[in-house]
Structure formats: structure tokens, C-alpha cells
Amino acid sequence: MSLLSQRLASAPARNVSPRQTLVIVCAGVVMASLDLFIVNVALPQIARDLHEQSLGTLSWVLNGYAIVYAALLVLFGRLADQRNRKTGFLLGVAIFTAGSAACGAAVSVRVHQHLATLMRESLPGIEVLGDRWSLIVIRDIMFGNRRHFRELQAGSQEAIASNILADRLKRLVHSGLLTRDDASRGQRATYSLTEQAIQLVPVFAELGAWGTRHRPVSHPLRVRAELLEQGGPQLWRTYMDELRETHLGIPSPDRQEPSATAQLAQAYADACAAEVTAALPVQEARTATS
């Protein structure tokens, strides 16, 4: 039985109306979504009130909301799962209300820019990791050992475009999360994780655990995420040492337990094979009926 199931089983029963809970949760979701659309519609009026005509400058009104929303969504979701959902929900509503009030009280776009700067400074790394494609590129290098441009593009389950991939690789190298070996003519450039990127293994493990609970995930990706969650910090440390050996040339300490890389690769391969095997009867049935 999982930790979440044990907590639910041991939690005292409360006389809470399901309808009341549904109404409160829906109100919070509608409030968060409506706020973004209202600001989009109101941008012309905001420009007049703040005496600002530059669309690039006005975009900070939306950027501050979007950055914080994306950064805190996974964090608060995970904390709420581990601790208390009610407290997490109410805290999220309070932060949202306070932020909206601060933006509403702003008398110029400069105030919005200062707020956005404060948000970035209070969440270090969000400008680098707050982008979906950057996380996907690091994930594929970290867990798929795809270290060349064509491998990253061909093996991408999300079908990343070549121009986006080239841009994200350039950004990640510039930010110090990747290094790029200068390849001679006719050879492929090799990308390697830096120590900064290797220390993101626990972050990916937590994101994977959250995703398996709240998002539809393919069986191969689910198996790997569950293995990382079950292995916990000890497995993460082992895997980080093995990544250091592969990408930084630092020898991994001798351990008695099986290689974390081998465990993850075997679990992923077995899941892929099971998925193919399960699909064969369906494909044969379609062939027979056609």
C-alpha cells in the first residue's frame, strides 16, 4: 500500500459535502483561468491607463502571472499530496489573491516589471527550467543517454522541431547546464551534463512521481518514474554518481547494489517490450478483419 493510501485509510472521517468541495475547487480553478483571459482582453485599457504603448513592455503584466503559475503548480501540488491538500489549496488562493491585488494597485508598468523581477529572484532557476522543451532536452540526455542532435530529435516522444531543439541546446549550454564538445568536420557534436544538471535528478524524480499521479502517462515512462520514487534518495545518489562518471569523467564509487543506470534501462526496456507484446493481438485482429 502506498504512503498516500495509508494516510487516506488512517485519516479520520469528516462530514464534508462532496458538492461543497466540488464548488470550492471549481471556483478556484475558474478564478485562476479567468484572471489570465481577463488580462488579455483588458490589455488595451491597461495600456491607456498606464500610458504605455509598447506591447513588449505590457507583456510583463502577463509574464509575472505565467511565470509564478508554472513554477508553483508542481511544487504546491506535490506538497499538498505529502502534507495537507486543504492547506495547500488555501495557501495557493491567498498567494494568488495577494499577487492580483499588488498588480491591480500598480500605477505604472515599471511596478509590474519589479514584481516580475522579484518573482524570478525568489524562484532561482525558473528562467532556465521554467520551459517545457528545456526540461525535455535535459530529461532525454539524462535518462535516455541521447547526447547528439539527431539522437535527441529522432528519439523525442514529443516530436521536438529541429529549430526548437537547436535553440534549447544553445540556451542550456549558455546557462551552464550542458557542455558541447567541439566536433571536427564530419563528426557529431556531443552534449554532456554539467554538475548543475546532474543535481536535477531529484527534481525529475519528484516531477515524475507527481506526473504519474495526476497526468496520463505511458506505461514505459510510468515504470521508470515509479522506480525512481521507490528507490528514493539512495537510488538518486547512485544514479547521479553514475552520470558524473559518464558525463564528467569522475569515477563512480564501488557499490554492492546493482547499477542504477542498468535498473532504469532494464525497467524501461521491459515496459516497452510488454507494450509491443500487448499490441500484437490487436494488430493481428485488425489484419484478419481487413
C-alpha atoms as a PDB file:
ATOM      1  CA  MET A   1       0.000   0.000   0.000  1.00  0.00           C
ATOM      2  CA  SER A   2       1.364   3.431  -0.939  1.00  0.00           C
ATOM      3  CA  LEU A   3       2.072   6.178   1.580  1.00  0.00           C
ATOM      4  CA  LEU A   4      -0.859   8.190   0.222  1.00  0.00           C
ATOM      5  CA  SER A   5      -3.226   5.215   0.589  1.00  0.00           C
ATOM      6  CA  GLN A   6      -2.072   4.632   4.182  1.00  0.00           C
ATOM      7  CA  ARG A   7      -2.713   8.275   5.069  1.00  0.00           C
ATOM      8  CA  LEU A   8      -6.154   8.185   3.493  1.00  0.00           C
ATOM      9  CA  ALA A   9      -7.011   4.977   5.345  1.00  0.00           C
ATOM     10  CA  SER A  10      -5.831   6.341   8.701  1.00  0.00           C
ATOM     11  CA  ALA A  11      -7.382   9.807   8.279  1.00  0.00           C
ATOM     12  CA  PRO A  12     -10.465  10.450  10.432  1.00  0.00           C
ATOM     13  CA  ALA A  13     -13.747  10.586   8.541  1.00  0.00           C
ATOM     14  CA  ARG A  14     -15.136  14.074   8.059  1.00  0.00           C
ATOM     15  CA  ASN A  15     -18.668  15.053   7.267  1.00  0.00           C
ATOM     16  CA  VAL A  16     -17.850  17.112   4.191  1.00  0.00           C
ATOM     17  CA  SER A  17     -20.359  17.553   1.410  1.00  0.00           C
ATOM     18  CA  PRO A  18     -18.933  16.413  -1.964  1.00  0.00           C
ATOM     19  CA  ARG A  19     -20.928  19.161  -3.663  1.00  0.00           C
ATOM     20  CA  GLN A  20     -19.415  21.807  -1.418  1.00  0.00           C
ATOM     21  CA  THR A  21     -15.901  20.535  -2.123  1.00  0.00           C
ATOM     22  CA  LEU A  22     -16.585  20.478  -5.875  1.00  0.00           C
ATOM     23  CA  VAL A  23     -17.930  24.038  -5.869  1.00  0.00           C
ATOM     24  CA  ILE A  24     -14.913  25.380  -3.928  1.00  0.00           C
ATOM     25  CA  VAL A  25     -12.342  23.629  -6.130  1.00  0.00           C
ATOM     26  CA  CYS A  26     -14.117  24.663  -9.334  1.00  0.00           C
ATOM     27  CA  ALA A  27     -14.302  28.267  -8.119  1.00  0.00           C
ATOM     28  CA  GLY A  28     -10.542  28.280  -7.535  1.00  0.00           C
ATOM     29  CA  VAL A  29      -9.779  26.824 -10.971  1.00  0.00           C
ATOM     30  CA  VAL A  30     -12.172  29.223 -12.713  1.00  0.00           C
ATOM     31  CA  MET A  31     -10.689  32.183 -10.829  1.00  0.00           C
ATOM     32  CA  ALA A  32      -7.124  31.273 -11.888  1.00  0.00           C
ATOM     33  CA  SER A  33      -8.074  30.678 -15.533  1.00  0.00           C
ATOM     34  CA  LEU A  34     -10.383  33.671 -15.793  1.00  0.00           C
ATOM     35  CA  ASP A  35      -7.722  36.003 -14.473  1.00  0.00           C
ATOM     36  CA  LEU A  36      -5.373  35.255 -17.381  1.00  0.00           C
ATOM     37  CA  PHE A  37      -8.062  35.679 -20.054  1.00  0.00           C
ATOM     38  CA  ILE A  38      -9.377  38.878 -18.490  1.00  0.00           C
ATOM     39  CA  VAL A  39      -5.918  40.442 -18.576  1.00  0.00           C
ATOM     40  CA  ASN A  40      -5.537  39.502 -22.260  1.00  0.00           C
ATOM     41  CA  VAL A  41      -8.820  41.188 -23.093  1.00  0.00           C
ATOM     42  CA  ALA A  42      -8.039  44.193 -20.917  1.00  0.00           C
ATOM     43  CA  LEU A  43      -4.562  44.914 -22.328  1.00  0.00           C
ATOM     44  CA  PRO A  44      -5.725  47.881 -24.493  1.00  0.00           C
ATOM     45  CA  GLN A  45      -7.358  49.518 -21.462  1.00  0.00           C
ATOM     46  CA  ILE A  46      -4.308  48.774 -19.312  1.00  0.00           C
ATOM     47  CA  ALA A  47      -2.118  50.451 -21.929  1.00  0.00           C
ATOM     48  CA  ARG A  48      -4.276  53.589 -21.813  1.00  0.00           C
ATOM     49  CA  ASP A  49      -4.447  53.698 -18.011  1.00  0.00           C
ATOM     50  CA  LEU A  50      -0.691  53.189 -17.593  1.00  0.00           C
ATOM     51  CA  HIS A  51       0.221  55.435 -20.535  1.00  0.00           C
ATOM     52  CA  GLU A  52       2.254  52.659 -22.105  1.00  0.00           C
ATOM     53  CA  GLN A  53       2.052  51.725 -25.793  1.00  0.00           C
ATOM     54  CA  SER A  54       4.881  49.163 -26.079  1.00  0.00           C
ATOM     55  CA  LEU A  55       3.438  45.649 -26.407  1.00  0.00           C
ATOM     56  CA  GLY A  56       6.750  44.161 -25.244  1.00  0.00           C
ATOM     57  CA  THR A  57       6.620  46.177 -22.041  1.00  0.00           C
ATOM     58  CA  LEU A  58       2.942  45.374 -21.455  1.00  0.00           C
ATOM     59  CA  SER A  59       3.685  41.677 -21.807  1.00  0.00           C
ATOM     60  CA  TRP A  60       5.237  41.802 -18.327  1.00  0.00           C
ATOM     61  CA  VAL A  61       1.718  42.052 -16.946  1.00  0.00           C
ATOM     62  CA  LEU A  62       1.115  38.526 -18.228  1.00  0.00           C
ATOM     63  CA  ASN A  63       4.653  37.235 -17.736  1.00  0.00           C
ATOM     64  CA  GLY A  64       4.596  37.708 -13.980  1.00  0.00           C
ATOM     65  CA  TYR A  65       1.408  35.658 -13.669  1.00  0.00           C
ATOM     66  CA  ALA A  66       2.532  32.931 -16.076  1.00  0.00           C
ATOM     67  CA  ILE A  67       5.993  32.506 -14.515  1.00  0.00           C
ATOM     68  CA  VAL A  68       4.712  32.100 -10.970  1.00  0.00           C
ATOM     69  CA  TYR A  69       1.789  29.901 -12.029  1.00  0.00           C
ATOM     70  CA  ALA A  70       4.054  27.482 -13.915  1.00  0.00           C
ATOM     71  CA  ALA A  71       6.725  27.468 -11.200  1.00  0.00           C
ATOM     72  CA  LEU A  72       4.447  26.841  -8.231  1.00  0.00           C
ATOM     73  CA  LEU A  73       1.940  24.435  -9.818  1.00  0.00           C
ATOM     74  CA  VAL A  74       4.097  21.313  -9.440  1.00  0.00           C
ATOM     75  CA  LEU A  75       5.623  22.422  -6.128  1.00  0.00           C
ATOM     76  CA  PHE A  76       2.311  23.096  -4.372  1.00  0.00           C
ATOM     77  CA  GLY A  77       0.721  20.009  -5.912  1.00  0.00           C
ATOM     78  CA  ARG A  78       3.492  17.815  -4.538  1.00  0.00           C
ATOM     79  CA  LEU A  79       3.468  19.493  -1.110  1.00  0.00           C
ATOM     80  CA  ALA A  80      -0.306  19.160  -0.935  1.00  0.00           C
ATOM     81  CA  ASP A  81      -0.053  15.430  -1.686  1.00  0.00           C
ATOM     82  CA  GLN A  82       2.567  14.951   1.012  1.00  0.00           C
ATOM     83  CA  ARG A  83       1.116  17.182   3.697  1.00  0.00           C
ATOM     84  CA  ASN A  84      -2.352  18.685   3.573  1.00  0.00           C
ATOM     85  CA  ARG A  85      -4.432  19.380   0.469  1.00  0.00           C
ATOM     86  CA  LYS A  86      -6.706  21.881   2.185  1.00  0.00           C
ATOM     87  CA  THR A  87      -3.795  23.958   3.481  1.00  0.00           C
ATOM     88  CA  GLY A  88      -2.091  23.862   0.096  1.00  0.00           C
ATOM     89  CA  PHE A  89      -5.258  24.984  -1.687  1.00  0.00           C
ATOM     90  CA  LEU A  90      -5.941  27.840   0.720  1.00  0.00           C
ATOM     91  CA  LEU A  91      -2.300  28.959   0.616  1.00  0.00           C
ATOM     92  CA  GLY A  92      -2.409  28.976  -3.180  1.00  0.00           C
ATOM     93  CA  VAL A  93      -5.593  31.069  -3.185  1.00  0.00           C
ATOM     94  CA  ALA A  94      -4.027  33.509  -0.689  1.00  0.00           C
ATOM     95  CA  ILE A  95      -0.855  33.960  -2.783  1.00  0.00           C
ATOM     96  CA  PHE A  96      -2.938  34.358  -5.941  1.00  0.00           C
ATOM     97  CA  THR A  97      -5.169  36.989  -4.299  1.00  0.00           C
ATOM     98  CA  ALA A  98      -2.216  38.921  -2.862  1.00  0.00           C
ATOM     99  CA  GLY A  99      -0.407  38.912  -6.211  1.00  0.00           C
ATOM    100  CA  SER A 100      -3.523  40.056  -8.074  1.00  0.00           C
ATOM    101  CA  ALA A 101      -4.069  42.849  -5.562  1.00  0.00           C
ATOM    102  CA  ALA A 102      -0.456  44.023  -5.905  1.00  0.00           C
ATOM    103  CA  CYS A 103      -0.698  44.090  -9.697  1.00  0.00           C
ATOM    104  CA  GLY A 104      -4.059  45.857  -9.546  1.00  0.00           C
ATOM    105  CA  ALA A 105      -2.605  48.557  -7.307  1.00  0.00           C
ATOM    106  CA  ALA A 106       0.295  49.235  -9.695  1.00  0.00           C
ATOM    107  CA  VAL A 107       0.369  52.748 -11.107  1.00  0.00           C
ATOM    108  CA  SER A 108       2.850  52.003 -13.892  1.00  0.00           C
ATOM    109  CA  VAL A 109       4.211  49.096 -15.902  1.00  0.00           C
ATOM    110  CA  ARG A 110       7.529  49.523 -14.049  1.00  0.00           C
ATOM    111  CA  VAL A 111       5.824  48.204 -10.928  1.00  0.00           C
ATOM    112  CA  HIS A 112       4.811  45.078 -12.830  1.00  0.00           C
ATOM    113  CA  GLN A 113       8.393  44.683 -14.036  1.00  0.00           C
ATOM    114  CA  HIS A 114       9.700  44.989 -10.480  1.00  0.00           C
ATOM    115  CA  LEU A 115       7.170  42.373  -9.351  1.00  0.00           C
ATOM    116  CA  ALA A 116       8.260  40.007 -12.127  1.00  0.00           C
ATOM    117  CA  THR A 117      11.914  40.537 -11.196  1.00  0.00           C
ATOM    118  CA  LEU A 118      11.104  39.776  -7.563  1.00  0.00           C
ATOM    119  CA  MET A 119       9.324  36.597  -8.651  1.00  0.00           C
ATOM    120  CA  ARG A 120      12.330  35.409 -10.626  1.00  0.00           C
ATOM    121  CA  GLU A 121      14.725  36.222  -7.787  1.00  0.00           C
ATOM    122  CA  SER A 122      12.551  34.388  -5.255  1.00  0.00           C
ATOM    123  CA  LEU A 123      12.484  31.321  -7.544  1.00  0.00           C
ATOM    124  CA  PRO A 124      16.110  30.878  -8.706  1.00  0.00           C
ATOM    125  CA  GLY A 125      16.487  28.903 -11.916  1.00  0.00           C
ATOM    126  CA  ILE A 126      12.925  29.420 -13.150  1.00  0.00           C
ATOM    127  CA  GLU A 127      14.095  31.285 -16.264  1.00  0.00           C
ATOM    128  CA  VAL A 128      16.182  28.260 -17.271  1.00  0.00           C
ATOM    129  CA  LEU A 129      13.928  25.397 -16.154  1.00  0.00           C
ATOM    130  CA  GLY A 130      10.510  27.006 -16.469  1.00  0.00           C
ATOM    131  CA  ASP A 131      10.401  25.994 -20.124  1.00  0.00           C
ATOM    132  CA  ARG A 132       8.890  22.686 -21.231  1.00  0.00           C
ATOM    133  CA  TRP A 133      11.363  21.988 -24.031  1.00  0.00           C
ATOM    134  CA  SER A 134      14.413  22.660 -21.851  1.00  0.00           C
ATOM    135  CA  LEU A 135      13.216  20.081 -19.337  1.00  0.00           C
ATOM    136  CA  ILE A 136      12.542  17.562 -22.110  1.00  0.00           C
ATOM    137  CA  VAL A 137      16.028  18.001 -23.587  1.00  0.00           C
ATOM    138  CA  ILE A 138      17.693  17.531 -20.186  1.00  0.00           C
ATOM    139  CA  ARG A 139      15.447  14.534 -19.477  1.00  0.00           C
ATOM    140  CA  ASP A 140      16.371  12.803 -22.738  1.00  0.00           C
ATOM    141  CA  ILE A 141      20.098  13.358 -22.178  1.00  0.00           C
ATOM    142  CA  MET A 142      19.876  12.349 -18.519  1.00  0.00           C
ATOM    143  CA  PHE A 143      17.689   9.240 -18.793  1.00  0.00           C
ATOM    144  CA  GLY A 144      17.900   8.359 -22.491  1.00  0.00           C
ATOM    145  CA  ASN A 145      21.655   8.956 -22.923  1.00  0.00           C
ATOM    146  CA  ARG A 146      20.918  10.806 -26.166  1.00  0.00           C
ATOM    147  CA  ARG A 147      23.899  13.086 -26.492  1.00  0.00           C
ATOM    148  CA  HIS A 148      23.814  14.071 -30.158  1.00  0.00           C
ATOM    149  CA  PHE A 149      21.465  16.390 -32.005  1.00  0.00           C
ATOM    150  CA  ARG A 150      19.999  13.743 -34.309  1.00  0.00           C
ATOM    151  CA  GLU A 151      19.518  11.276 -31.445  1.00  0.00           C
ATOM    152  CA  LEU A 152      17.632  13.899 -29.437  1.00  0.00           C
ATOM    153  CA  GLN A 153      15.379  14.785 -32.354  1.00  0.00           C
ATOM    154  CA  ALA A 154      14.753  11.252 -33.637  1.00  0.00           C
ATOM    155  CA  GLY A 155      14.105   9.819 -30.170  1.00  0.00           C
ATOM    156  CA  SER A 156      11.850  12.616 -28.963  1.00  0.00           C
ATOM    157  CA  GLN A 157       8.412  11.308 -27.971  1.00  0.00           C
ATOM    158  CA  GLU A 158       7.156  14.891 -28.090  1.00  0.00           C
ATOM    159  CA  ALA A 159       8.392  15.339 -31.710  1.00  0.00           C
ATOM    160  CA  ILE A 160      10.510  18.398 -30.958  1.00  0.00           C
ATOM    161  CA  ALA A 161      11.188  20.573 -34.015  1.00  0.00           C
ATOM    162  CA  SER A 162      14.793  20.984 -35.136  1.00  0.00           C
ATOM    163  CA  ASN A 163      14.796  24.770 -34.681  1.00  0.00           C
ATOM    164  CA  ILE A 164      13.414  24.485 -31.136  1.00  0.00           C
ATOM    165  CA  LEU A 165      15.929  21.768 -30.267  1.00  0.00           C
ATOM    166  CA  ALA A 166      18.839  23.828 -31.591  1.00  0.00           C
ATOM    167  CA  ASP A 167      17.656  26.870 -29.638  1.00  0.00           C
ATOM    168  CA  ARG A 168      17.225  24.980 -26.358  1.00  0.00           C
ATOM    169  CA  LEU A 169      20.604  23.268 -26.659  1.00  0.00           C
ATOM    170  CA  LYS A 170      22.225  26.642 -27.206  1.00  0.00           C
ATOM    171  CA  ARG A 171      20.418  28.113 -24.181  1.00  0.00           C
ATOM    172  CA  LEU A 172      21.298  25.184 -21.927  1.00  0.00           C
ATOM    173  CA  VAL A 173      24.976  25.396 -22.897  1.00  0.00           C
ATOM    174  CA  HIS A 174      24.929  29.152 -22.286  1.00  0.00           C
ATOM    175  CA  SER A 175      23.280  28.706 -18.869  1.00  0.00           C
ATOM    176  CA  GLY A 176      25.860  26.132 -17.787  1.00  0.00           C
ATOM    177  CA  LEU A 177      23.625  23.060 -17.671  1.00  0.00           C
ATOM    178  CA  LEU A 178      25.231  21.420 -20.708  1.00  0.00           C
ATOM    179  CA  THR A 179      28.627  21.412 -22.351  1.00  0.00           C
ATOM    180  CA  ARG A 180      29.217  20.903 -26.059  1.00  0.00           C
ATOM    181  CA  ASP A 181      32.307  19.145 -27.316  1.00  0.00           C
ATOM    182  CA  ASP A 182      33.682  20.854 -30.393  1.00  0.00           C
ATOM    183  CA  ALA A 183      33.447  18.261 -33.131  1.00  0.00           C
ATOM    184  CA  SER A 184      35.778  18.208 -36.082  1.00  0.00           C
ATOM    185  CA  ARG A 185      34.362  18.347 -39.565  1.00  0.00           C
ATOM    186  CA  GLY A 186      32.261  15.287 -40.389  1.00  0.00           C
ATOM    187  CA  GLN A 187      31.778  14.344 -36.731  1.00  0.00           C
ATOM    188  CA  ARG A 188      28.810  14.882 -34.442  1.00  0.00           C
ATOM    189  CA  ALA A 189      28.953  17.286 -31.534  1.00  0.00           C
ATOM    190  CA  THR A 190      28.456  15.605 -28.163  1.00  0.00           C
ATOM    191  CA  TYR A 191      26.451  17.225 -25.360  1.00  0.00           C
ATOM    192  CA  SER A 192      27.243  16.416 -21.734  1.00  0.00           C
ATOM    193  CA  LEU A 193      25.527  17.216 -18.461  1.00  0.00           C
ATOM    194  CA  THR A 194      27.297  19.533 -16.038  1.00  0.00           C
ATOM    195  CA  GLU A 195      27.256  19.136 -12.268  1.00  0.00           C
ATOM    196  CA  GLN A 196      24.388  21.648 -12.127  1.00  0.00           C
ATOM    197  CA  ALA A 197      22.276  19.487 -14.419  1.00  0.00           C
ATOM    198  CA  ILE A 198      23.185  16.221 -12.658  1.00  0.00           C
ATOM    199  CA  GLN A 199      21.919  17.673  -9.383  1.00  0.00           C
ATOM    200  CA  LEU A 200      18.484  17.976 -11.030  1.00  0.00           C
ATOM    201  CA  VAL A 201      17.942  14.205 -10.734  1.00  0.00           C
ATOM    202  CA  PRO A 202      15.840  14.593  -7.528  1.00  0.00           C
ATOM    203  CA  VAL A 203      13.786  17.296  -9.262  1.00  0.00           C
ATOM    204  CA  PHE A 204      12.996  14.978 -12.178  1.00  0.00           C
ATOM    205  CA  ALA A 205      12.194  12.168  -9.754  1.00  0.00           C
ATOM    206  CA  GLU A 206       9.687  14.344  -7.903  1.00  0.00           C
ATOM    207  CA  LEU A 207       8.184  15.638 -11.164  1.00  0.00           C
ATOM    208  CA  GLY A 208       7.831  12.070 -12.405  1.00  0.00           C
ATOM    209  CA  ALA A 209       6.132  10.968  -9.189  1.00  0.00           C
ATOM    210  CA  TRP A 210       3.707  13.885  -9.429  1.00  0.00           C
ATOM    211  CA  GLY A 211       3.020  13.175 -13.107  1.00  0.00           C
ATOM    212  CA  THR A 212       2.160   9.516 -12.547  1.00  0.00           C
ATOM    213  CA  ARG A 213      -0.493  10.578 -10.047  1.00  0.00           C
ATOM    214  CA  HIS A 214      -2.083  13.470 -11.893  1.00  0.00           C
ATOM    215  CA  ARG A 215      -1.362  13.075 -15.611  1.00  0.00           C
ATOM    216  CA  PRO A 216      -1.908  10.330 -18.194  1.00  0.00           C
ATOM    217  CA  VAL A 217       1.495   8.690 -18.637  1.00  0.00           C
ATOM    218  CA  SER A 218       2.598   5.905 -20.982  1.00  0.00           C
ATOM    219  CA  HIS A 219       3.495   2.610 -19.322  1.00  0.00           C
ATOM    220  CA  PRO A 220       7.270   2.786 -20.089  1.00  0.00           C
ATOM    221  CA  LEU A 221       7.576   6.293 -18.616  1.00  0.00           C
ATOM    222  CA  ARG A 222       5.414   5.338 -15.633  1.00  0.00           C
ATOM    223  CA  VAL A 223       7.624   2.350 -14.795  1.00  0.00           C
ATOM    224  CA  ARG A 224      10.777   4.468 -14.764  1.00  0.00           C
ATOM    225  CA  ALA A 225       9.140   7.191 -12.649  1.00  0.00           C
ATOM    226  CA  GLU A 226       7.815   4.643 -10.150  1.00  0.00           C
ATOM    227  CA  LEU A 227      11.240   3.005  -9.877  1.00  0.00           C
ATOM    228  CA  LEU A 228      12.838   6.372  -9.111  1.00  0.00           C
ATOM    229  CA  GLU A 229      10.188   7.123  -6.499  1.00  0.00           C
ATOM    230  CA  GLN A 230      10.529   3.727  -4.826  1.00  0.00           C
ATOM    231  CA  GLY A 231      14.333   3.898  -4.832  1.00  0.00           C
ATOM    232  CA  GLY A 232      14.254   7.272  -3.129  1.00  0.00           C
ATOM    233  CA  PRO A 233      17.319   9.424  -2.344  1.00  0.00           C
ATOM    234  CA  GLN A 234      19.666   6.434  -2.199  1.00  0.00           C
ATOM    235  CA  LEU A 235      18.901   5.444  -5.807  1.00  0.00           C
ATOM    236  CA  TRP A 236      19.091   9.101  -6.885  1.00  0.00           C
ATOM    237  CA  ARG A 237      22.566   9.490  -5.376  1.00  0.00           C
ATOM    238  CA  THR A 238      23.736   6.301  -7.056  1.00  0.00           C
ATOM    239  CA  TYR A 239      22.397   7.438 -10.410  1.00  0.00           C
ATOM    240  CA  MET A 240      23.971  10.885 -10.001  1.00  0.00           C
ATOM    241  CA  ASP A 241      27.376   9.268  -9.326  1.00  0.00           C
ATOM    242  CA  GLU A 242      26.988   7.179 -12.488  1.00  0.00           C
ATOM    243  CA  LEU A 243      26.055  10.285 -14.500  1.00  0.00           C
ATOM    244  CA  ARG A 244      29.172  12.020 -13.192  1.00  0.00           C
ATOM    245  CA  GLU A 245      31.268   9.133 -14.453  1.00  0.00           C
ATOM    246  CA  THR A 246      29.599   9.201 -17.882  1.00  0.00           C
ATOM    247  CA  HIS A 247      29.463  12.955 -18.422  1.00  0.00           C
ATOM    248  CA  LEU A 248      32.251  14.387 -16.234  1.00  0.00           C
ATOM    249  CA  GLY A 249      34.737  11.524 -16.160  1.00  0.00           C
ATOM    250  CA  ILE A 250      34.592  11.228 -12.354  1.00  0.00           C
ATOM    251  CA  PRO A 251      34.866   7.544 -11.325  1.00  0.00           C
ATOM    252  CA  SER A 252      31.780   6.238  -9.585  1.00  0.00           C
ATOM    253  CA  PRO A 253      32.277   4.780  -6.074  1.00  0.00           C
ATOM    254  CA  ASP A 254      32.252   0.988  -5.884  1.00  0.00           C
ATOM    255  CA  ARG A 255      28.905  -0.260  -4.630  1.00  0.00           C
ATOM    256  CA  GLN A 256      27.423  -3.662  -3.954  1.00  0.00           C
ATOM    257  CA  GLU A 257      23.958  -2.828  -5.257  1.00  0.00           C
ATOM    258  CA  PRO A 258      23.123  -3.118  -8.982  1.00  0.00           C
ATOM    259  CA  SER A 259      23.801  -0.172 -11.266  1.00  0.00           C
ATOM    260  CA  ALA A 260      21.012   2.420 -11.159  1.00  0.00           C
ATOM    261  CA  THR A 261      21.505   3.042 -14.885  1.00  0.00           C
ATOM    262  CA  ALA A 262      21.043  -0.670 -15.596  1.00  0.00           C
ATOM    263  CA  GLN A 263      17.939  -0.856 -13.391  1.00  0.00           C
ATOM    264  CA  LEU A 264      16.279   2.092 -15.109  1.00  0.00           C
ATOM    265  CA  ALA A 265      17.242   0.908 -18.591  1.00  0.00           C
ATOM    266  CA  GLN A 266      16.023  -2.643 -17.936  1.00  0.00           C
ATOM    267  CA  ALA A 267      12.722  -1.461 -16.460  1.00  0.00           C
ATOM    268  CA  TYR A 268      12.149   0.827 -19.452  1.00  0.00           C
ATOM    269  CA  ALA A 269      13.067  -1.898 -21.969  1.00  0.00           C
ATOM    270  CA  ASP A 270      10.795  -4.458 -20.274  1.00  0.00           C
ATOM    271  CA  ALA A 271       7.906  -1.990 -20.266  1.00  0.00           C
ATOM    272  CA  CYS A 272       8.402  -1.196 -23.959  1.00  0.00           C
ATOM    273  CA  ALA A 273       8.532  -4.899 -24.797  1.00  0.00           C
ATOM    274  CA  ALA A 274       5.356  -5.550 -22.798  1.00  0.00           C
ATOM    275  CA  GLU A 275       3.630  -2.694 -24.608  1.00  0.00           C
ATOM    276  CA  VAL A 276       4.589  -4.133 -28.014  1.00  0.00           C
ATOM    277  CA  THR A 277       3.500  -7.634 -26.974  1.00  0.00           C
ATOM    278  CA  ALA A 278       0.128  -6.340 -25.774  1.00  0.00           C
ATOM    279  CA  ALA A 279      -0.414  -4.536 -29.068  1.00  0.00           C
ATOM    280  CA  LEU A 280       0.280  -7.607 -31.256  1.00  0.00           C
ATOM    281  CA  PRO A 281      -3.128  -9.346 -30.773  1.00  0.00           C
ATOM    282  CA  VAL A 282      -4.907  -6.107 -31.618  1.00  0.00           C
ATOM    283  CA  GLN A 283      -2.814  -5.640 -34.768  1.00  0.00           C
ATOM    284  CA  GLU A 284      -3.373  -9.274 -35.817  1.00  0.00           C
ATOM    285  CA  ALA A 285      -7.116  -8.911 -35.289  1.00  0.00           C
ATOM    286  CA  ARG A 286      -7.197  -5.815 -37.465  1.00  0.00           C
ATOM    287  CA  THR A 287      -5.183  -7.586 -40.157  1.00  0.00           C
ATOM    288  CA  ALA A 288      -7.565 -10.556 -40.094  1.00  0.00           C
ATOM    289  CA  THR A 289     -10.663  -8.394 -40.459  1.00  0.00           C
ATOM    290  CA  SER A 290      -9.224  -6.205 -43.236  1.00  0.00           C
END
